[in-house]
N, C-alpha and C. Protein backbone atom coordinates (compact mmCIF):
# COMPACT_ATOMS: atom_id res chain seq x y z
N MET A 1 0.84 -1.16 0.00
CA MET A 1 0.00 0.00 0.00
C MET A 1 0.90 1.24 0.00
N PHE A 2 0.62 2.15 -0.88
CA PHE A 2 1.32 3.42 -0.95
C PHE A 2 0.47 4.49 -0.28
N ASN A 3 1.10 5.35 0.47
CA ASN A 3 0.45 6.50 1.07
C ASN A 3 1.29 7.70 0.68
N MET A 4 0.76 8.55 -0.21
CA MET A 4 1.53 9.66 -0.77
C MET A 4 0.89 11.00 -0.42
N THR A 5 1.73 11.93 0.00
CA THR A 5 1.29 13.29 0.24
C THR A 5 1.84 14.17 -0.88
N LEU A 6 0.94 14.84 -1.58
CA LEU A 6 1.30 15.74 -2.67
C LEU A 6 1.00 17.16 -2.28
N SER A 7 1.92 18.04 -2.46
CA SER A 7 1.70 19.48 -2.30
C SER A 7 0.90 19.87 -1.06
N GLY A 8 1.19 19.23 0.05
CA GLY A 8 0.54 19.59 1.31
C GLY A 8 -0.90 19.15 1.44
N GLY A 9 -1.42 18.43 0.46
CA GLY A 9 -2.80 17.98 0.54
C GLY A 9 -2.95 16.72 1.37
N HIS A 10 -4.16 16.24 1.46
CA HIS A 10 -4.44 15.03 2.19
C HIS A 10 -3.77 13.85 1.48
N PRO A 11 -3.17 12.93 2.23
CA PRO A 11 -2.48 11.79 1.58
C PRO A 11 -3.43 10.94 0.75
N SER A 12 -2.91 10.42 -0.34
CA SER A 12 -3.63 9.47 -1.17
C SER A 12 -3.14 8.08 -0.82
N THR A 13 -4.06 7.15 -0.61
CA THR A 13 -3.69 5.77 -0.32
C THR A 13 -4.00 4.94 -1.54
N ILE A 14 -3.00 4.21 -2.02
CA ILE A 14 -3.14 3.42 -3.23
C ILE A 14 -2.68 2.00 -2.92
N CYS A 15 -3.58 1.04 -3.08
CA CYS A 15 -3.23 -0.36 -2.87
C CYS A 15 -2.68 -0.94 -4.17
N VAL A 16 -1.54 -1.62 -4.05
CA VAL A 16 -0.91 -2.24 -5.21
C VAL A 16 -0.71 -3.72 -4.89
N GLU A 17 -1.12 -4.57 -5.81
CA GLU A 17 -0.92 -6.00 -5.65
C GLU A 17 0.58 -6.29 -5.62
N ILE A 18 1.01 -7.21 -4.78
CA ILE A 18 2.43 -7.47 -4.58
C ILE A 18 3.12 -7.90 -5.87
N SER A 19 2.43 -8.56 -6.78
CA SER A 19 3.05 -8.96 -8.04
C SER A 19 3.41 -7.76 -8.91
N LYS A 20 2.73 -6.63 -8.72
CA LYS A 20 3.01 -5.41 -9.49
C LYS A 20 3.94 -4.45 -8.75
N PHE A 21 4.27 -4.79 -7.49
CA PHE A 21 5.03 -3.87 -6.66
C PHE A 21 6.42 -3.50 -7.23
N PRO A 22 7.24 -4.48 -7.62
CA PRO A 22 8.57 -4.09 -8.16
C PRO A 22 8.46 -3.15 -9.36
N GLN A 23 7.53 -3.43 -10.25
CA GLN A 23 7.32 -2.58 -11.42
C GLN A 23 6.85 -1.18 -11.00
N SER A 24 6.01 -1.12 -9.97
CA SER A 24 5.51 0.17 -9.51
C SER A 24 6.63 1.01 -8.91
N LEU A 25 7.63 0.37 -8.29
CA LEU A 25 8.76 1.11 -7.73
C LEU A 25 9.57 1.80 -8.82
N SER A 26 9.78 1.11 -9.93
CA SER A 26 10.51 1.72 -11.04
C SER A 26 9.75 2.92 -11.59
N PHE A 27 8.45 2.76 -11.75
CA PHE A 27 7.62 3.87 -12.22
C PHE A 27 7.67 5.02 -11.23
N LEU A 28 7.60 4.69 -9.94
CA LEU A 28 7.61 5.70 -8.89
C LEU A 28 8.90 6.53 -8.93
N LYS A 29 10.01 5.88 -9.17
CA LYS A 29 11.28 6.60 -9.25
C LYS A 29 11.24 7.64 -10.38
N ASP A 30 10.72 7.24 -11.54
CA ASP A 30 10.58 8.18 -12.65
C ASP A 30 9.61 9.30 -12.30
N MET A 31 8.53 8.94 -11.64
CA MET A 31 7.51 9.92 -11.26
C MET A 31 8.10 10.98 -10.32
N LEU A 32 8.82 10.53 -9.30
CA LEU A 32 9.37 11.46 -8.32
C LEU A 32 10.52 12.29 -8.86
N SER A 33 11.11 11.86 -9.97
CA SER A 33 12.18 12.62 -10.61
C SER A 33 11.64 13.69 -11.55
N SER A 34 10.36 13.63 -11.83
CA SER A 34 9.74 14.51 -12.82
C SER A 34 9.19 15.79 -12.18
N GLU A 35 9.09 16.81 -12.97
CA GLU A 35 8.42 18.03 -12.52
C GLU A 35 6.91 17.94 -12.78
N TYR A 36 6.46 16.83 -13.37
CA TYR A 36 5.04 16.63 -13.70
C TYR A 36 4.44 15.51 -12.85
N ILE A 37 4.65 15.59 -11.56
CA ILE A 37 4.22 14.51 -10.66
C ILE A 37 2.72 14.28 -10.73
N ASP A 38 1.93 15.32 -10.79
CA ASP A 38 0.47 15.14 -10.82
C ASP A 38 0.03 14.33 -12.03
N GLU A 39 0.63 14.58 -13.18
CA GLU A 39 0.28 13.83 -14.38
C GLU A 39 0.72 12.37 -14.25
N TYR A 40 1.91 12.16 -13.69
CA TYR A 40 2.40 10.80 -13.46
C TYR A 40 1.47 10.05 -12.49
N MET A 41 0.95 10.76 -11.50
CA MET A 41 0.10 10.13 -10.50
C MET A 41 -1.12 9.48 -11.14
N GLU A 42 -1.72 10.16 -12.11
CA GLU A 42 -2.85 9.58 -12.82
C GLU A 42 -2.46 8.27 -13.49
N ASP A 43 -1.30 8.25 -14.13
CA ASP A 43 -0.82 7.03 -14.79
C ASP A 43 -0.49 5.95 -13.76
N PHE A 44 0.11 6.35 -12.64
CA PHE A 44 0.45 5.40 -11.58
C PHE A 44 -0.81 4.70 -11.08
N ILE A 45 -1.85 5.47 -10.81
CA ILE A 45 -3.11 4.91 -10.33
C ILE A 45 -3.71 4.00 -11.40
N ARG A 46 -3.74 4.44 -12.62
CA ARG A 46 -4.32 3.64 -13.70
C ARG A 46 -3.57 2.31 -13.88
N ASP A 47 -2.24 2.35 -13.81
CA ASP A 47 -1.44 1.16 -14.11
C ASP A 47 -1.24 0.22 -12.92
N PHE A 48 -1.27 0.76 -11.70
CA PHE A 48 -0.89 -0.07 -10.56
C PHE A 48 -1.93 -0.21 -9.45
N ALA A 49 -2.87 0.70 -9.34
CA ALA A 49 -3.84 0.63 -8.24
C ALA A 49 -4.73 -0.60 -8.37
N ARG A 50 -4.93 -1.23 -7.27
CA ARG A 50 -5.81 -2.39 -7.24
C ARG A 50 -7.25 -1.90 -7.26
N THR A 51 -8.04 -2.42 -8.20
CA THR A 51 -9.42 -1.96 -8.35
C THR A 51 -10.43 -3.08 -8.10
N ASP A 52 -9.96 -4.32 -7.96
CA ASP A 52 -10.90 -5.40 -7.73
C ASP A 52 -11.31 -5.46 -6.26
N GLU A 53 -12.27 -6.27 -5.98
CA GLU A 53 -12.82 -6.37 -4.63
C GLU A 53 -11.79 -6.97 -3.67
N ILE A 54 -11.71 -6.43 -2.49
CA ILE A 54 -10.83 -6.98 -1.47
C ILE A 54 -11.51 -8.21 -0.88
N MET A 55 -10.72 -9.29 -0.79
CA MET A 55 -11.26 -10.56 -0.31
C MET A 55 -10.82 -10.81 1.14
N PRO A 56 -11.56 -11.65 1.86
CA PRO A 56 -11.22 -11.91 3.26
C PRO A 56 -9.81 -12.44 3.49
N ASP A 57 -9.26 -13.19 2.53
CA ASP A 57 -7.92 -13.74 2.72
C ASP A 57 -6.81 -12.80 2.25
N ASP A 58 -7.16 -11.62 1.73
CA ASP A 58 -6.15 -10.62 1.36
C ASP A 58 -5.53 -10.05 2.62
N ARG A 59 -4.29 -9.62 2.51
CA ARG A 59 -3.63 -9.00 3.65
C ARG A 59 -2.67 -7.93 3.17
N THR A 60 -2.42 -6.99 4.02
CA THR A 60 -1.47 -5.92 3.73
C THR A 60 -0.10 -6.39 4.16
N LEU A 61 0.85 -6.40 3.23
CA LEU A 61 2.21 -6.84 3.53
C LEU A 61 3.11 -5.70 3.95
N GLY A 62 2.70 -4.48 3.63
CA GLY A 62 3.52 -3.35 4.03
C GLY A 62 3.03 -2.05 3.44
N PHE A 63 3.78 -1.02 3.77
CA PHE A 63 3.43 0.33 3.35
C PHE A 63 4.66 1.03 2.78
N VAL A 64 4.41 1.89 1.82
CA VAL A 64 5.40 2.85 1.36
C VAL A 64 4.76 4.21 1.62
N VAL A 65 5.35 4.96 2.53
CA VAL A 65 4.82 6.28 2.89
C VAL A 65 5.74 7.31 2.27
N ILE A 66 5.16 8.20 1.47
CA ILE A 66 5.95 9.19 0.74
C ILE A 66 5.40 10.58 1.00
N ASN A 67 6.26 11.46 1.47
CA ASN A 67 5.91 12.86 1.62
C ASN A 67 6.71 13.59 0.54
N ILE A 68 6.06 13.87 -0.56
CA ILE A 68 6.75 14.43 -1.73
C ILE A 68 7.29 15.83 -1.45
N PRO A 69 6.51 16.73 -0.84
CA PRO A 69 7.07 18.07 -0.58
C PRO A 69 8.32 18.04 0.31
N ARG A 70 8.36 17.12 1.26
CA ARG A 70 9.51 17.05 2.17
C ARG A 70 10.60 16.10 1.69
N LYS A 71 10.32 15.38 0.59
CA LYS A 71 11.27 14.43 0.00
C LYS A 71 11.71 13.38 1.03
N LYS A 72 10.70 12.76 1.66
CA LYS A 72 10.95 11.69 2.62
C LYS A 72 10.08 10.49 2.27
N MET A 73 10.64 9.30 2.47
CA MET A 73 9.86 8.10 2.24
C MET A 73 10.30 6.99 3.19
N THR A 74 9.33 6.14 3.53
CA THR A 74 9.57 5.01 4.41
C THR A 74 9.00 3.77 3.75
N PHE A 75 9.80 2.70 3.77
CA PHE A 75 9.34 1.39 3.35
C PHE A 75 9.19 0.56 4.62
N ALA A 76 7.99 0.11 4.94
CA ALA A 76 7.74 -0.71 6.12
C ALA A 76 7.02 -1.98 5.68
N PHE A 77 7.72 -3.12 5.79
CA PHE A 77 7.18 -4.38 5.30
C PHE A 77 7.40 -5.51 6.30
N SER A 78 6.48 -6.46 6.29
CA SER A 78 6.65 -7.70 7.04
C SER A 78 6.27 -8.85 6.11
N ARG A 79 6.78 -9.98 6.39
CA ARG A 79 6.41 -11.21 5.67
C ARG A 79 6.62 -11.13 4.16
N ILE A 80 7.72 -10.55 3.72
CA ILE A 80 8.03 -10.56 2.29
C ILE A 80 9.31 -11.36 2.10
N ASP A 81 9.49 -11.90 0.90
CA ASP A 81 10.66 -12.74 0.68
C ASP A 81 11.93 -11.91 0.49
N GLU A 82 13.06 -12.58 0.57
CA GLU A 82 14.36 -11.91 0.50
C GLU A 82 14.60 -11.24 -0.85
N THR A 83 14.06 -11.80 -1.91
CA THR A 83 14.24 -11.21 -3.24
C THR A 83 13.60 -9.82 -3.29
N LEU A 84 12.41 -9.71 -2.75
CA LEU A 84 11.72 -8.42 -2.74
C LEU A 84 12.42 -7.44 -1.79
N LYS A 85 12.90 -7.94 -0.65
CA LYS A 85 13.66 -7.07 0.25
C LYS A 85 14.89 -6.50 -0.44
N LYS A 86 15.58 -7.33 -1.21
CA LYS A 86 16.77 -6.86 -1.94
C LYS A 86 16.38 -5.80 -2.96
N ARG A 87 15.29 -6.02 -3.67
CA ARG A 87 14.82 -5.05 -4.66
C ARG A 87 14.51 -3.71 -3.99
N ILE A 88 13.87 -3.76 -2.84
CA ILE A 88 13.54 -2.54 -2.11
C ILE A 88 14.82 -1.83 -1.66
N ARG A 89 15.78 -2.59 -1.13
CA ARG A 89 17.05 -1.98 -0.71
C ARG A 89 17.76 -1.33 -1.90
N ASP A 90 17.79 -2.04 -3.03
CA ASP A 90 18.47 -1.51 -4.22
C ASP A 90 17.83 -0.22 -4.71
N ILE A 91 16.51 -0.21 -4.82
CA ILE A 91 15.85 0.98 -5.35
C ILE A 91 15.84 2.11 -4.33
N SER A 92 15.93 1.78 -3.04
CA SER A 92 15.95 2.85 -2.05
C SER A 92 17.18 3.75 -2.24
N SER A 93 18.28 3.16 -2.66
CA SER A 93 19.47 3.99 -2.94
C SER A 93 19.23 4.87 -4.16
N ASP A 94 18.44 4.39 -5.12
CA ASP A 94 18.10 5.21 -6.29
C ASP A 94 17.25 6.42 -5.87
N PHE A 95 16.34 6.22 -4.91
CA PHE A 95 15.55 7.33 -4.41
C PHE A 95 16.44 8.33 -3.68
N GLY A 96 17.44 7.83 -2.98
CA GLY A 96 18.40 8.71 -2.32
C GLY A 96 19.14 9.58 -3.31
N LYS A 97 19.44 9.04 -4.48
CA LYS A 97 20.15 9.78 -5.52
C LYS A 97 19.32 10.93 -6.10
N ILE A 98 17.99 10.82 -5.98
CA ILE A 98 17.14 11.91 -6.49
C ILE A 98 16.70 12.83 -5.35
N GLY A 99 17.37 12.70 -4.19
CA GLY A 99 17.16 13.65 -3.11
C GLY A 99 16.20 13.25 -2.02
N TYR A 100 15.75 12.01 -2.01
CA TYR A 100 14.81 11.56 -0.99
C TYR A 100 15.56 10.93 0.19
N GLU A 101 15.10 11.30 1.39
CA GLU A 101 15.58 10.64 2.59
C GLU A 101 14.73 9.36 2.75
N VAL A 102 15.41 8.21 2.82
CA VAL A 102 14.70 6.93 2.82
C VAL A 102 14.95 6.18 4.12
N GLU A 103 13.88 5.66 4.69
CA GLU A 103 13.97 4.81 5.88
C GLU A 103 13.43 3.44 5.52
N LEU A 104 14.15 2.38 5.93
CA LEU A 104 13.73 1.00 5.67
C LEU A 104 13.37 0.34 6.99
N ASP A 105 12.20 -0.28 7.04
CA ASP A 105 11.77 -1.04 8.20
C ASP A 105 11.20 -2.35 7.68
N MET A 106 12.08 -3.37 7.62
CA MET A 106 11.68 -4.66 7.08
C MET A 106 12.15 -5.76 8.04
N GLU A 107 11.25 -6.70 8.32
CA GLU A 107 11.59 -7.82 9.20
C GLU A 107 12.51 -8.77 8.48
């Protein structure tokens, strides 16, 4: 689940299926590097937001909290495999390169 704050407004919460999560991180990096974040946000929601019904056996594996005006982000995950943890660690350094302060909280 992504929780993004844009331009001081109320945060937007966007649920992304875990199978689309690595791809969404790459898109997110491009989005946060752009001066057209609002336009990218529409594409991000269209391409990655989960729109189907939430089922009783669904669960939230973690959160990505992003405060765009302050250039801060936190990845907080539990119960994810080591491959995905490595992907998150790798891309977190890419976010650091574009000026974001990144915090990782993964079991």
